[in-house]
Amino acid sequence: MASALVTAPLAATAAEEGKRVIIAMLIVGLIFIGVIALGETSRWLRHRRDRTH
């Protein structure tokens, strides 16, 4: 009985676990978008720099 009381706060409910998964997916999506935006920006800046010379 005592061990059940100790582990109960550590166990996540399905809703909490789902929320963590969704937040993790959103963070990964933001990282992907950030990498794409950084690449496109650097490509645009390189294209702009090549035109001026």
C-alpha atoms as a PDB file:
ATOM      1  CA  MET A   1       0.000   0.000   0.000  1.00  0.00           C
ATOM      2  CA  ALA A   2       2.777   2.415   0.870  1.00  0.00           C
ATOM      3  CA  SER A   3       4.560   1.775  -2.414  1.00  0.00           C
ATOM      4  CA  ALA A   4       1.379   2.638  -4.337  1.00  0.00           C
ATOM      5  CA  LEU A   5       1.220   5.999  -2.565  1.00  0.00           C
ATOM      6  CA  VAL A   6       4.847   6.723  -3.442  1.00  0.00           C
ATOM      7  CA  THR A   7       4.544   5.875  -7.148  1.00  0.00           C
ATOM      8  CA  ALA A   8       1.114   7.482  -7.689  1.00  0.00           C
ATOM      9  CA  PRO A   9       2.441  11.070  -8.009  1.00  0.00           C
ATOM     10  CA  LEU A  10       5.098   9.874 -10.456  1.00  0.00           C
ATOM     11  CA  ALA A  11       2.579   8.208 -12.763  1.00  0.00           C
ATOM     12  CA  ALA A  12       1.297  10.530 -15.492  1.00  0.00           C
ATOM     13  CA  THR A  13      -2.277  10.384 -16.643  1.00  0.00           C
ATOM     14  CA  ALA A  14      -3.059   9.824 -20.291  1.00  0.00           C
ATOM     15  CA  ALA A  15      -4.013  13.476 -20.693  1.00  0.00           C
ATOM     16  CA  GLU A  16      -0.730  14.684 -19.200  1.00  0.00           C
ATOM     17  CA  GLU A  17       1.250  12.280 -21.367  1.00  0.00           C
ATOM     18  CA  GLY A  18      -0.627  13.412 -24.481  1.00  0.00           C
ATOM     19  CA  LYS A  19      -0.001  17.046 -23.620  1.00  0.00           C
ATOM     20  CA  ARG A  20       3.732  16.370 -23.303  1.00  0.00           C
ATOM     21  CA  VAL A  21       3.787  14.585 -26.658  1.00  0.00           C
ATOM     22  CA  ILE A  22       1.970  17.436 -28.394  1.00  0.00           C
ATOM     23  CA  ILE A  23       4.271  20.039 -26.857  1.00  0.00           C
ATOM     24  CA  ALA A  24       7.317  18.017 -27.931  1.00  0.00           C
ATOM     25  CA  MET A  25       5.949  17.770 -31.472  1.00  0.00           C
ATOM     26  CA  LEU A  26       5.331  21.522 -31.590  1.00  0.00           C
ATOM     27  CA  ILE A  27       8.877  22.224 -30.412  1.00  0.00           C
ATOM     28  CA  VAL A  28      10.313  19.920 -33.077  1.00  0.00           C
ATOM     29  CA  GLY A  29       8.142  21.621 -35.699  1.00  0.00           C
ATOM     30  CA  LEU A  30       9.380  25.036 -34.622  1.00  0.00           C
ATOM     31  CA  ILE A  31      12.973  23.818 -34.874  1.00  0.00           C
ATOM     32  CA  PHE A  32      12.332  22.566 -38.417  1.00  0.00           C
ATOM     33  CA  ILE A  33      10.696  25.852 -39.411  1.00  0.00           C
ATOM     34  CA  GLY A  34      13.588  27.787 -37.856  1.00  0.00           C
ATOM     35  CA  VAL A  35      16.181  25.795 -39.791  1.00  0.00           C
ATOM     36  CA  ILE A  36      14.270  26.254 -43.045  1.00  0.00           C
ATOM     37  CA  ALA A  37      13.845  29.992 -42.416  1.00  0.00           C
ATOM     38  CA  LEU A  38      17.542  30.364 -41.603  1.00  0.00           C
ATOM     39  CA  GLY A  39      18.522  28.541 -44.784  1.00  0.00           C
ATOM     40  CA  GLU A  40      16.180  30.562 -46.967  1.00  0.00           C
ATOM     41  CA  THR A  41      17.352  33.830 -45.400  1.00  0.00           C
ATOM     42  CA  SER A  42      21.001  32.990 -45.932  1.00  0.00           C
ATOM     43  CA  ARG A  43      20.242  31.976 -49.526  1.00  0.00           C
ATOM     44  CA  TRP A  44      18.445  35.270 -50.148  1.00  0.00           C
ATOM     45  CA  LEU A  45      21.276  37.276 -48.594  1.00  0.00           C
ATOM     46  CA  ARG A  46      23.868  35.394 -50.671  1.00  0.00           C
ATOM     47  CA  HIS A  47      21.849  36.014 -53.823  1.00  0.00           C
ATOM     48  CA  ARG A  48      21.541  39.702 -52.945  1.00  0.00           C
ATOM     49  CA  ARG A  49      25.281  39.988 -52.222  1.00  0.00           C
ATOM     50  CA  ASP A  50      26.203  38.293 -55.506  1.00  0.00           C
ATOM     51  CA  ARG A  51      24.054  40.757 -57.463  1.00  0.00           C
ATOM     52  CA  THR A  52      25.735  43.873 -56.045  1.00  0.00           C
ATOM     53  CA  HIS A  53      29.229  42.906 -57.166  1.00  0.00           C
END
